Structures are given as structure tokens and as C-alpha cells.
Amino acid sequence: GDNAKHTVYLQMNSLKPEDTGVYYCSYSDSSGDYWGKGTLV
């Protein structure tokens, strides 16, 4: 994560066919849970 940019990264190496799917970003704090719209891998 980069706190200054409020950005989180996921580096995915050695990918396998079973890693296929829609990847959703999530954010949680005391006010609740939030989701992104997803990105297809």
C-alpha cells in the first residue's frame, strides 16, 4: 500500500489458470465496507 496515495497494489506472479476471475478491491474502516466494481483477470 501507498498511504499517501490511498492506493493498494497486488503483484501477482506465477499466475495459474485457477487464478482467473474478477478481482474486487475492498476498503473497510469503522464507518463500513466498500467495494470497487472489479477488474477481470
PDB file of all heavy atoms in Angstrom:
ATOM      1  N   GLY A   1       0.817  -1.213   0.000  1.00  0.00           N
ATOM      2  CA  GLY A   1       0.000   0.000   0.000  1.00  0.00           C
ATOM      3  C   GLY A   1       0.845   1.255   0.000  1.00  0.00           C
ATOM      4  O   GLY A   1       1.984   1.246   0.475  1.00  0.00           O
ATOM      5  N   ASP A   2       0.285   2.303  -0.554  1.00  0.00           N
ATOM      6  CA  ASP A   2       0.892   3.628  -0.532  1.00  0.00           C
ATOM      7  C   ASP A   2      -0.094   4.528   0.199  1.00  0.00           C
ATOM      8  O   ASP A   2      -1.089   4.970  -0.383  1.00  0.00           O
ATOM      9  CB  ASP A   2       1.146   4.119  -1.956  1.00  0.00           C
ATOM     10  CG  ASP A   2       1.872   5.457  -1.997  1.00  0.00           C
ATOM     11  OD1 ASP A   2       1.729   6.256  -1.037  1.00  0.00           O
ATOM     12  OD2 ASP A   2       2.563   5.718  -2.976  1.00  0.00           O
ATOM     13  N   ASN A   3       0.166   4.762   1.475  1.00  0.00           N
ATOM     14  CA  ASN A   3      -0.780   5.517   2.291  1.00  0.00           C
ATOM     15  C   ASN A   3      -0.976   6.942   1.781  1.00  0.00           C
ATOM     16  O   ASN A   3      -2.091   7.472   1.832  1.00  0.00           O
ATOM     17  CB  ASN A   3      -0.315   5.546   3.745  1.00  0.00           C
ATOM     18  CG  ASN A   3      -0.519   4.209   4.438  1.00  0.00           C
ATOM     19  OD1 ASN A   3      -1.282   3.373   3.970  1.00  0.00           O
ATOM     20  ND2 ASN A   3       0.171   4.008   5.541  1.00  0.00           N
ATOM     21  N   ALA A   4       0.091   7.540   1.288  1.00  0.00           N
ATOM     22  CA  ALA A   4      -0.011   8.922   0.810  1.00  0.00           C
ATOM     23  C   ALA A   4      -0.966   9.024  -0.383  1.00  0.00           C
ATOM     24  O   ALA A   4      -1.669  10.021  -0.545  1.00  0.00           O
ATOM     25  CB  ALA A   4       1.363   9.453   0.441  1.00  0.00           C
ATOM     26  N   LYS A   5      -0.997   7.987  -1.209  1.00  0.00           N
ATOM     27  CA  LYS A   5      -1.852   7.980  -2.394  1.00  0.00           C
ATOM     28  C   LYS A   5      -3.150   7.229  -2.169  1.00  0.00           C
ATOM     29  O   LYS A   5      -3.977   7.142  -3.083  1.00  0.00           O
ATOM     30  CB  LYS A   5      -1.099   7.355  -3.571  1.00  0.00           C
ATOM     31  CG  LYS A   5       0.136   8.124  -4.008  1.00  0.00           C
ATOM     32  CD  LYS A   5       0.797   7.435  -5.202  1.00  0.00           C
ATOM     33  CE  LYS A   5       2.019   8.211  -5.679  1.00  0.00           C
ATOM     34  NZ  LYS A   5       2.681   7.544  -6.840  1.00  0.00           N
ATOM     35  N   HIS A   6      -3.339   6.673  -0.963  1.00  0.00           N
ATOM     36  CA  HIS A   6      -4.534   5.861  -0.671  1.00  0.00           C
ATOM     37  C   HIS A   6      -4.713   4.791  -1.743  1.00  0.00           C
ATOM     38  O   HIS A   6      -5.813   4.592  -2.259  1.00  0.00           O
ATOM     39  CB  HIS A   6      -5.784   6.741  -0.583  1.00  0.00           C
ATOM     40  CG  HIS A   6      -5.681   7.828   0.438  1.00  0.00           C
ATOM     41  ND1 HIS A   6      -5.330   7.607   1.753  1.00  0.00           N
ATOM     42  CD2 HIS A   6      -5.879   9.159   0.330  1.00  0.00           C
ATOM     43  CE1 HIS A   6      -5.313   8.766   2.395  1.00  0.00           C
ATOM     44  NE2 HIS A   6      -5.640   9.720   1.563  1.00  0.00           N
ATOM     45  N   THR A   7      -3.630   4.132  -2.075  1.00  0.00           N
ATOM     46  CA  THR A   7      -3.643   3.143  -3.143  1.00  0.00           C
ATOM     47  C   THR A   7      -3.078   1.830  -2.634  1.00  0.00           C
ATOM     48  O   THR A   7      -2.109   1.822  -1.865  1.00  0.00           O
ATOM     49  CB  THR A   7      -2.824   3.632  -4.347  1.00  0.00           C
ATOM     50  OG1 THR A   7      -3.405   4.847  -4.852  1.00  0.00           O
ATOM     51  CG2 THR A   7      -2.809   2.593  -5.461  1.00  0.00           C
ATOM     52  N   VAL A   8      -3.678   0.740  -3.051  1.00  0.00           N
ATOM     53  CA  VAL A   8      -3.190  -0.587  -2.710  1.00  0.00           C
ATOM     54  C   VAL A   8      -2.893  -1.330  -4.007  1.00  0.00           C
ATOM     55  O   VAL A   8      -3.574  -1.142  -5.019  1.00  0.00           O
ATOM     56  CB  VAL A   8      -4.210  -1.354  -1.841  1.00  0.00           C
ATOM     57  CG1 VAL A   8      -5.494  -1.634  -2.601  1.00  0.00           C
ATOM     58  CG2 VAL A   8      -3.615  -2.639  -1.312  1.00  0.00           C
ATOM     59  N   TYR A   9      -1.853  -2.143  -3.965  1.00  0.00           N
ATOM     60  CA  TYR A   9      -1.412  -2.882  -5.135  1.00  0.00           C
ATOM     61  C   TYR A   9      -1.432  -4.380  -4.839  1.00  0.00           C
ATOM     62  O   TYR A   9      -1.257  -4.801  -3.694  1.00  0.00           O
ATOM     63  CB  TYR A   9       0.013  -2.469  -5.511  1.00  0.00           C
ATOM     64  CG  TYR A   9       0.199  -0.982  -5.705  1.00  0.00           C
ATOM     65  CD1 TYR A   9       0.663  -0.183  -4.664  1.00  0.00           C
ATOM     66  CD2 TYR A   9      -0.110  -0.379  -6.916  1.00  0.00           C
ATOM     67  CE1 TYR A   9       0.830   1.174  -4.821  1.00  0.00           C
ATOM     68  CE2 TYR A   9       0.053   0.992  -7.088  1.00  0.00           C
ATOM     69  CZ  TYR A   9       0.521   1.760  -6.031  1.00  0.00           C
ATOM     70  OH  TYR A   9       0.669   3.116  -6.195  1.00  0.00           O
ATOM     71  N   LEU A  10      -1.601  -5.152  -5.887  1.00  0.00           N
ATOM     72  CA  LEU A  10      -1.493  -6.600  -5.772  1.00  0.00           C
ATOM     73  C   LEU A  10      -0.586  -7.072  -6.909  1.00  0.00           C
ATOM     74  O   LEU A  10      -0.983  -7.047  -8.070  1.00  0.00           O
ATOM     75  CB  LEU A  10      -2.854  -7.292  -5.852  1.00  0.00           C
ATOM     76  CG  LEU A  10      -2.822  -8.802  -5.628  1.00  0.00           C
ATOM     77  CD1 LEU A  10      -2.467  -9.103  -4.163  1.00  0.00           C
ATOM     78  CD2 LEU A  10      -4.161  -9.434  -5.978  1.00  0.00           C
ATOM     79  N   GLN A  11       0.637  -7.462  -6.546  1.00  0.00           N
ATOM     80  CA  GLN A  11       1.563  -8.020  -7.524  1.00  0.00           C
ATOM     81  C   GLN A  11       1.331  -9.519  -7.585  1.00  0.00           C
ATOM     82  O   GLN A  11       1.446 -10.211  -6.572  1.00  0.00           O
ATOM     83  CB  GLN A  11       3.007  -7.729  -7.110  1.00  0.00           C
ATOM     84  CG  GLN A  11       4.046  -8.317  -8.049  1.00  0.00           C
ATOM     85  CD  GLN A  11       4.010  -7.697  -9.436  1.00  0.00           C
ATOM     86  OE1 GLN A  11       3.879  -6.480  -9.571  1.00  0.00           O
ATOM     87  NE2 GLN A  11       4.116  -8.523 -10.473  1.00  0.00           N
ATOM     88  N   MET A  12       0.968 -10.003  -8.761  1.00  0.00           N
ATOM     89  CA  MET A  12       0.637 -11.407  -8.933  1.00  0.00           C
ATOM     90  C   MET A  12       1.664 -12.046  -9.860  1.00  0.00           C
ATOM     91  O   MET A  12       1.769 -11.666 -11.035  1.00  0.00           O
ATOM     92  CB  MET A  12      -0.773 -11.554  -9.519  1.00  0.00           C
ATOM     93  CG  MET A  12      -1.839 -10.843  -8.692  1.00  0.00           C
ATOM     94  SD  MET A  12      -3.521 -11.142  -9.288  1.00  0.00           S
ATOM     95  CE  MET A  12      -3.457 -10.308 -10.870  1.00  0.00           C
ATOM     96  N   ASN A  13       2.419 -12.986  -9.327  1.00  0.00           N
ATOM     97  CA  ASN A  13       3.435 -13.704 -10.097  1.00  0.00           C
ATOM     98  C   ASN A  13       3.058 -15.180 -10.196  1.00  0.00           C
ATOM     99  O   ASN A  13       2.238 -15.677  -9.436  1.00  0.00           O
ATOM    100  CB  ASN A  13       4.803 -13.555  -9.430  1.00  0.00           C
ATOM    101  CG  ASN A  13       5.273 -12.115  -9.356  1.00  0.00           C
ATOM    102  OD1 ASN A  13       4.966 -11.291 -10.224  1.00  0.00           O
ATOM    103  ND2 ASN A  13       6.017 -11.795  -8.312  1.00  0.00           N
ATOM    104  N   SER A  14       3.715 -15.859 -11.123  1.00  0.00           N
ATOM    105  CA  SER A  14       3.475 -17.295 -11.314  1.00  0.00           C
ATOM    106  C   SER A  14       1.988 -17.605 -11.401  1.00  0.00           C
ATOM    107  O   SER A  14       1.477 -18.514 -10.736  1.00  0.00           O
ATOM    108  CB  SER A  14       4.117 -18.095 -10.167  1.00  0.00           C
ATOM    109  OG  SER A  14       5.502 -17.834 -10.086  1.00  0.00           O
ATOM    110  N   LEU A  15       1.296 -16.852 -12.207  1.00  0.00           N
ATOM    111  CA  LEU A  15      -0.162 -16.995 -12.295  1.00  0.00           C
ATOM    112  C   LEU A  15      -0.550 -18.348 -12.852  1.00  0.00           C
ATOM    113  O   LEU A  15       0.136 -18.927 -13.711  1.00  0.00           O
ATOM    114  CB  LEU A  15      -0.738 -15.874 -13.156  1.00  0.00           C
ATOM    115  CG  LEU A  15      -0.851 -14.528 -12.426  1.00  0.00           C
ATOM    116  CD1 LEU A  15      -0.971 -13.386 -13.420  1.00  0.00           C
ATOM    117  CD2 LEU A  15      -2.045 -14.540 -11.484  1.00  0.00           C
ATOM    118  N   LYS A  16      -1.675 -18.852 -12.348  1.00  0.00           N
ATOM    119  CA  LYS A  16      -2.208 -20.147 -12.745  1.00  0.00           C
ATOM    120  C   LYS A  16      -3.605 -19.946 -13.331  1.00  0.00           C
ATOM    121  O   LYS A  16      -4.284 -18.971 -12.997  1.00  0.00           O
ATOM    122  CB  LYS A  16      -2.308 -21.065 -11.535  1.00  0.00           C
ATOM    123  CG  LYS A  16      -0.998 -21.271 -10.785  1.00  0.00           C
ATOM    124  CD  LYS A  16      -1.217 -22.113  -9.539  1.00  0.00           C
ATOM    125  CE  LYS A  16       0.070 -22.307  -8.763  1.00  0.00           C
ATOM    126  NZ  LYS A  16      -0.143 -23.125  -7.536  1.00  0.00           N
ATOM    127  N   PRO A  17      -4.062 -20.865 -14.172  1.00  0.00           N
ATOM    128  CA  PRO A  17      -5.426 -20.734 -14.712  1.00  0.00           C
ATOM    129  C   PRO A  17      -6.486 -20.612 -13.617  1.00  0.00           C
ATOM    130  O   PRO A  17      -7.472 -19.896 -13.805  1.00  0.00           O
ATOM    131  CB  PRO A  17      -5.592 -22.030 -15.513  1.00  0.00           C
ATOM    132  CG  PRO A  17      -4.216 -22.365 -15.963  1.00  0.00           C
ATOM    133  CD  PRO A  17      -3.334 -21.973 -14.812  1.00  0.00           C
ATOM    134  N   GLU A  18      -6.258 -21.253 -12.486  1.00  0.00           N
ATOM    135  CA  GLU A  18      -7.235 -21.156 -11.396  1.00  0.00           C
ATOM    136  C   GLU A  18      -7.256 -19.797 -10.701  1.00  0.00           C
ATOM    137  O   GLU A  18      -8.106 -19.544  -9.850  1.00  0.00           O
ATOM    138  CB  GLU A  18      -7.002 -22.259 -10.354  1.00  0.00           C
ATOM    139  CG  GLU A  18      -5.590 -22.349  -9.844  1.00  0.00           C
ATOM    140  CD  GLU A  18      -4.782 -23.428 -10.571  1.00  0.00           C
ATOM    141  OE1 GLU A  18      -4.887 -23.502 -11.816  1.00  0.00           O
ATOM    142  OE2 GLU A  18      -4.048 -24.167  -9.888  1.00  0.00           O
ATOM    143  N   ASP A  19      -6.342 -18.906 -11.081  1.00  0.00           N
ATOM    144  CA  ASP A  19      -6.383 -17.533 -10.565  1.00  0.00           C
ATOM    145  C   ASP A  19      -7.355 -16.662 -11.367  1.00  0.00           C
ATOM    146  O   ASP A  19      -7.592 -15.499 -11.007  1.00  0.00           O
ATOM    147  CB  ASP A  19      -4.990 -16.895 -10.626  1.00  0.00           C
ATOM    148  CG  ASP A  19      -3.997 -17.555  -9.688  1.00  0.00           C
ATOM    149  OD1 ASP A  19      -4.383 -17.853  -8.540  1.00  0.00           O
ATOM    150  OD2 ASP A  19      -2.844 -17.757 -10.093  1.00  0.00           O
ATOM    151  N   THR A  20      -7.911 -17.215 -12.423  1.00  0.00           N
ATOM    152  CA  THR A  20      -8.849 -16.470 -13.259  1.00  0.00           C
ATOM    153  C   THR A  20     -10.085 -16.060 -12.470  1.00  0.00           C
ATOM    154  O   THR A  20     -10.629 -16.846 -11.699  1.00  0.00           O
ATOM    155  CB  THR A  20      -9.268 -17.317 -14.476  1.00  0.00           C
ATOM    156  OG1 THR A  20      -8.127 -17.507 -15.314  1.00  0.00           O
ATOM    157  CG2 THR A  20     -10.366 -16.645 -15.272  1.00  0.00           C
ATOM    158  N   GLY A  21     -10.505 -14.822 -12.680  1.00  0.00           N
ATOM    159  CA  GLY A  21     -11.717 -14.338 -12.029  1.00  0.00           C
ATOM    160  C   GLY A  21     -11.777 -12.825 -12.056  1.00  0.00           C
ATOM    161  O   GLY A  21     -10.864 -12.161 -12.571  1.00  0.00           O
ATOM    162  N   VAL A  22     -12.845 -12.300 -11.509  1.00  0.00           N
ATOM    163  CA  VAL A  22     -12.968 -10.859 -11.329  1.00  0.00           C
ATOM    164  C   VAL A  22     -12.385 -10.517  -9.961  1.00  0.00           C
ATOM    165  O   VAL A  22     -12.784 -11.097  -8.949  1.00  0.00           O
ATOM    166  CB  VAL A  22     -14.432 -10.402 -11.421  1.00  0.00           C
ATOM    167  CG1 VAL A  22     -14.524  -8.893 -11.180  1.00  0.00           C
ATOM    168  CG2 VAL A  22     -15.020 -10.763 -12.774  1.00  0.00           C
ATOM    169  N   TYR A  23     -11.466  -9.611  -9.956  1.00  0.00           N
ATOM    170  CA  TYR A  23     -10.790  -9.191  -8.735  1.00  0.00           C
ATOM    171  C   TYR A  23     -11.401  -7.878  -8.252  1.00  0.00           C
ATOM    172  O   TYR A  23     -11.442  -6.896  -8.991  1.00  0.00           O
ATOM    173  CB  TYR A  23      -9.297  -9.038  -8.973  1.00  0.00           C
ATOM    174  CG  TYR A  23      -8.579 -10.362  -9.021  1.00  0.00           C
ATOM    175  CD1 TYR A  23      -8.806 -11.269 -10.051  1.00  0.00           C
ATOM    176  CD2 TYR A  23      -7.688 -10.740  -8.014  1.00  0.00           C
ATOM    177  CE1 TYR A  23      -8.176 -12.499 -10.090  1.00  0.00           C
ATOM    178  CE2 TYR A  23      -7.037 -11.970  -8.039  1.00  0.00           C
ATOM    179  CZ  TYR A  23      -7.292 -12.839  -9.087  1.00  0.00           C
ATOM    180  OH  TYR A  23      -6.661 -14.060  -9.110  1.00  0.00           O
ATOM    181  N   TYR A  24     -11.849  -7.888  -7.006  1.00  0.00           N
ATOM    182  CA  TYR A  24     -12.503  -6.732  -6.407  1.00  0.00           C
ATOM    183  C   TYR A  24     -11.628  -6.143  -5.318  1.00  0.00           C
ATOM    184  O   TYR A  24     -11.095  -6.866  -4.469  1.00  0.00           O
ATOM    185  CB  TYR A  24     -13.836  -7.123  -5.790  1.00  0.00           C
ATOM    186  CG  TYR A  24     -14.859  -7.615  -6.781  1.00  0.00           C
ATOM    187  CD1 TYR A  24     -14.972  -8.972  -7.063  1.00  0.00           C
ATOM    188  CD2 TYR A  24     -15.719  -6.731  -7.421  1.00  0.00           C
ATOM    189  CE1 TYR A  24     -15.903  -9.434  -7.965  1.00  0.00           C
ATOM    190  CE2 TYR A  24     -16.662  -7.181  -8.326  1.00  0.00           C
ATOM    191  CZ  TYR A  24     -16.753  -8.537  -8.598  1.00  0.00           C
ATOM    192  OH  TYR A  24     -17.688  -8.991  -9.496  1.00  0.00           O
ATOM    193  N   CYS A  25     -11.518  -4.836  -5.337  1.00  0.00           N
ATOM    194  CA  CYS A  25     -10.833  -4.131  -4.267  1.00  0.00           C
ATOM    195  C   CYS A  25     -11.830  -3.838  -3.158  1.00  0.00           C
ATOM    196  O   CYS A  25     -12.999  -3.529  -3.423  1.00  0.00           O
ATOM    197  CB  CYS A  25     -10.264  -2.824  -4.818  1.00  0.00           C
ATOM    198  SG  CYS A  25      -9.406  -1.792  -3.609  1.00  0.00           S
ATOM    199  N   SER A  26     -11.361  -3.921  -1.928  1.00  0.00           N
ATOM    200  CA  SER A  26     -12.225  -3.623  -0.789  1.00  0.00           C
ATOM    201  C   SER A  26     -11.547  -2.632   0.138  1.00  0.00           C
ATOM    202  O   SER A  26     -10.315  -2.556   0.205  1.00  0.00           O
ATOM    203  CB  SER A  26     -12.556  -4.904  -0.016  1.00  0.00           C
ATOM    204  OG  SER A  26     -11.400  -5.376   0.658  1.00  0.00           O
ATOM    205  N   TYR A  27     -12.383  -1.894   0.856  1.00  0.00           N
ATOM    206  CA  TYR A  27     -11.910  -0.941   1.863  1.00  0.00           C
ATOM    207  C   TYR A  27     -12.854  -1.029   3.053  1.00  0.00           C
ATOM    208  O   TYR A  27     -14.077  -1.022   2.877  1.00  0.00           O
ATOM    209  CB  TYR A  27     -11.913   0.477   1.302  1.00  0.00           C
ATOM    210  CG  TYR A  27     -11.652   1.552   2.334  1.00  0.00           C
ATOM    211  CD1 TYR A  27     -10.378   2.059   2.525  1.00  0.00           C
ATOM    212  CD2 TYR A  27     -12.688   2.056   3.112  1.00  0.00           C
ATOM    213  CE1 TYR A  27     -10.141   3.040   3.480  1.00  0.00           C
ATOM    214  CE2 TYR A  27     -12.453   3.028   4.067  1.00  0.00           C
ATOM    215  CZ  TYR A  27     -11.184   3.513   4.249  1.00  0.00           C
ATOM    216  OH  TYR A  27     -10.940   4.477   5.193  1.00  0.00           O
ATOM    217  N   SER A  28     -12.258  -1.145   4.237  1.00  0.00           N
ATOM    218  CA  SER A  28     -13.077  -1.229   5.452  1.00  0.00           C
ATOM    219  C   SER A  28     -12.499  -0.327   6.524  1.00  0.00           C
ATOM    220  O   SER A  28     -11.275  -0.275   6.711  1.00  0.00           O
ATOM    221  CB  SER A  28     -13.101  -2.667   5.982  1.00  0.00           C
ATOM    222  OG  SER A  28     -13.657  -3.553   5.046  1.00  0.00           O
ATOM    223  N   ASP A  29     -13.383   0.393   7.203  1.00  0.00           N
ATOM    224  CA  ASP A  29     -12.993   1.132   8.403  1.00  0.00           C
ATOM    225  C   ASP A  29     -14.194   1.157   9.330  1.00  0.00           C
ATOM    226  O   ASP A  29     -15.165   0.415   9.124  1.00  0.00           O
ATOM    227  CB  ASP A  29     -12.477   2.538   8.034  1.00  0.00           C
ATOM    228  CG  ASP A  29     -13.526   3.408   7.368  1.00  0.00           C
ATOM    229  OD1 ASP A  29     -14.745   3.206   7.594  1.00  0.00           O
ATOM    230  OD2 ASP A  29     -13.134   4.309   6.603  1.00  0.00           O
ATOM    231  N   SER A  30     -14.129   1.977  10.338  1.00  0.00           N
ATOM    232  CA  SER A  30     -15.201   1.983  11.343  1.00  0.00           C
ATOM    233  C   SER A  30     -16.536   2.434  10.771  1.00  0.00           C
ATOM    234  O   SER A  30     -17.588   2.205  11.381  1.00  0.00           O
ATOM    235  CB  SER A  30     -14.807   2.875  12.513  1.00  0.00           C
ATOM    236  OG  SER A  30     -14.570   4.199  12.063  1.00  0.00           O
ATOM    237  N   SER A  31     -16.515   3.068   9.592  1.00  0.00           N
ATOM    238  CA  SER A  31     -17.774   3.556   9.012  1.00  0.00           C
ATOM    239  C   SER A  31     -18.447   2.526   8.127  1.00  0.00           C
ATOM    240  O   SER A  31     -19.626   2.673   7.801  1.00  0.00           O
ATOM    241  CB  SER A  31     -17.513   4.826   8.198  1.00  0.00           C
ATOM    242  OG  SER A  31     -16.819   4.527   7.001  1.00  0.00           O
ATOM    243  N   GLY A  32     -17.741   1.485   7.729  1.00  0.00           N
ATOM    244  CA  GLY A  32     -18.350   0.468   6.896  1.00  0.00           C
ATOM    245  C   GLY A  32     -17.402  -0.182   5.915  1.00  0.00           C
ATOM    246  O   GLY A  32     -16.186   0.008   5.984  1.00  0.00           O
ATOM    247  N   ASP A  33     -18.001  -0.950   5.004  1.00  0.00           N
ATOM    248  CA  ASP A  33     -17.243  -1.676   3.989  1.00  0.00           C
ATOM    249  C   ASP A  33     -17.602  -1.145   2.609  1.00  0.00           C
ATOM    250  O   ASP A  33     -18.780  -0.887   2.322  1.00  0.00           O
ATOM    251  CB  ASP A  33     -17.569  -3.179   4.051  1.00  0.00           C
ATOM    252  CG  ASP A  33     -17.273  -3.767   5.405  1.00  0.00           C
ATOM    253  OD1 ASP A  33     -16.262  -3.383   6.016  1.00  0.00           O
ATOM    254  OD2 ASP A  33     -18.065  -4.615   5.865  1.00  0.00           O
ATOM    255  N   TYR A  34     -16.601  -1.055   1.742  1.00  0.00           N
ATOM    256  CA  TYR A  34     -16.814  -0.532   0.399  1.00  0.00           C
ATOM    257  C   TYR A  34     -16.128  -1.437  -0.614  1.00  0.00           C
ATOM    258  O   TYR A  34     -15.122  -2.076  -0.306  1.00  0.00           O
ATOM    259  CB  TYR A  34     -16.260   0.900   0.281  1.00  0.00           C
ATOM    260  CG  TYR A  34     -16.869   1.852   1.280  1.00  0.00           C
ATOM    261  CD1 TYR A  34     -16.319   1.994   2.558  1.00  0.00           C
ATOM    262  CD2 TYR A  34     -18.005   2.594   0.969  1.00  0.00           C
ATOM    263  CE1 TYR A  34     -16.881   2.850   3.491  1.00  0.00           C
ATOM    264  CE2 TYR A  34     -18.564   3.459   1.897  1.00  0.00           C
ATOM    265  CZ  TYR A  34     -18.001   3.577   3.142  1.00  0.00           C
ATOM    266  OH  TYR A  34     -18.573   4.421   4.063  1.00  0.00           O
ATOM    267  N   TRP A  35     -16.696  -1.463  -1.826  1.00  0.00           N
ATOM    268  CA  TRP A  35     -16.182  -2.342  -2.874  1.00  0.00           C
ATOM    269  C   TRP A  35     -16.006  -1.574  -4.173  1.00  0.00           C
ATOM    270  O   TRP A  35     -16.785  -0.685  -4.488  1.00  0.00           O
ATOM    271  CB  TRP A  35     -17.149  -3.502  -3.126  1.00  0.00           C
ATOM    272  CG  TRP A  35     -17.277  -4.419  -1.960  1.00  0.00           C
ATOM    273  CD1 TRP A  35     -18.168  -4.326  -0.933  1.00  0.00           C
ATOM    274  CD2 TRP A  35     -16.479  -5.572  -1.679  1.00  0.00           C
ATOM    275  NE1 TRP A  35     -17.970  -5.346  -0.045  1.00  0.00           N
ATOM    276  CE2 TRP A  35     -16.951  -6.129  -0.478  1.00  0.00           C
ATOM    277  CE3 TRP A  35     -15.410  -6.186  -2.337  1.00  0.00           C
ATOM    278  CZ2 TRP A  35     -16.393  -7.274   0.083  1.00  0.00           C
ATOM    279  CZ3 TRP A  35     -14.854  -7.323  -1.788  1.00  0.00           C
ATOM    280  CH2 TRP A  35     -15.334  -7.857  -0.595  1.00  0.00           C
ATOM    281  N   GLY A  36     -14.986  -1.982  -4.932  1.00  0.00           N
ATOM    282  CA  GLY A  36     -14.837  -1.492  -6.274  1.00  0.00           C
ATOM    283  C   GLY A  36     -15.699  -2.306  -7.219  1.00  0.00           C
ATOM    284  O   GLY A  36     -16.350  -3.271  -6.821  1.00  0.00           O
ATOM    285  N   LYS A  37     -15.698  -1.929  -8.500  1.00  0.00           N
ATOM    286  CA  LYS A  37     -16.533  -2.617  -9.486  1.00  0.00           C
ATOM    287  C   LYS A  37     -15.871  -3.873 -10.015  1.00  0.00           C
ATOM    288  O   LYS A  37     -16.539  -4.690 -10.660  1.00  0.00           O
ATOM    289  CB  LYS A  37     -16.844  -1.670 -10.635  1.00  0.00           C
ATOM    290  CG  LYS A  37     -17.725  -0.491 -10.225  1.00  0.00           C
ATOM    291  CD  LYS A  37     -18.061   0.392 -11.410  1.00  0.00           C
ATOM    292  CE  LYS A  37     -18.975   1.532 -10.991  1.00  0.00           C
ATOM    293  NZ  LYS A  37     -19.343   2.406 -12.130  1.00  0.00           N
ATOM    294  N   GLY A  38     -14.579  -4.039  -9.776  1.00  0.00           N
ATOM    295  CA  GLY A  38     -13.881  -5.248 -10.185  1.00  0.00           C
ATOM    296  C   GLY A  38     -13.113  -5.088 -11.482  1.00  0.00           C
ATOM    297  O   GLY A  38     -13.451  -4.263 -12.330  1.00  0.00           O
ATOM    298  N   THR A  39     -12.080  -5.912 -11.605  1.00  0.00           N
ATOM    299  CA  THR A  39     -11.285  -5.957 -12.827  1.00  0.00           C
ATOM    300  C   THR A  39     -11.025  -7.421 -13.152  1.00  0.00           C
ATOM    301  O   THR A  39     -10.730  -8.222 -12.270  1.00  0.00           O
ATOM    302  CB  THR A  39      -9.968  -5.176 -12.663  1.00  0.00           C
ATOM    303  OG1 THR A  39      -9.257  -5.159 -13.905  1.00  0.00           O
ATOM    304  CG2 THR A  39      -9.061  -5.754 -11.581  1.00  0.00           C
ATOM    305  N   LEU A  40     -11.178  -7.771 -14.427  1.00  0.00           N
ATOM    306  CA  LEU A  40     -11.112  -9.167 -14.840  1.00  0.00           C
ATOM    307  C   LEU A  40      -9.663  -9.588 -15.086  1.00  0.00           C
ATOM    308  O   LEU A  40      -8.918  -8.912 -15.801  1.00  0.00           O
ATOM    309  CB  LEU A  40     -11.926  -9.377 -16.115  1.00  0.00           C
ATOM    310  CG  LEU A  40     -11.911 -10.776 -16.715  1.00  0.00           C
ATOM    311  CD1 LEU A  40     -12.527 -11.784 -15.739  1.00  0.00           C
ATOM    312  CD2 LEU A  40     -12.664 -10.792 -18.041  1.00  0.00           C
ATOM    313  N   VAL A  41      -9.321 -10.704 -14.495  1.00  0.00           N
ATOM    314  CA  VAL A  41      -8.018 -11.341 -14.725  1.00  0.00           C
ATOM    315  C   VAL A  41      -8.272 -12.700 -15.356  1.00  0.00           C
ATOM    316  O   VAL A  41      -9.021 -13.515 -14.803  1.00  0.00           O
ATOM    317  CB  VAL A  41      -7.238 -11.511 -13.409  1.00  0.00           C
ATOM    318  CG1 VAL A  41      -5.982 -12.349 -13.627  1.00  0.00           C
ATOM    319  CG2 VAL A  41      -6.882 -10.153 -12.819  1.00  0.00           C
TER     320      VAL A  41
END
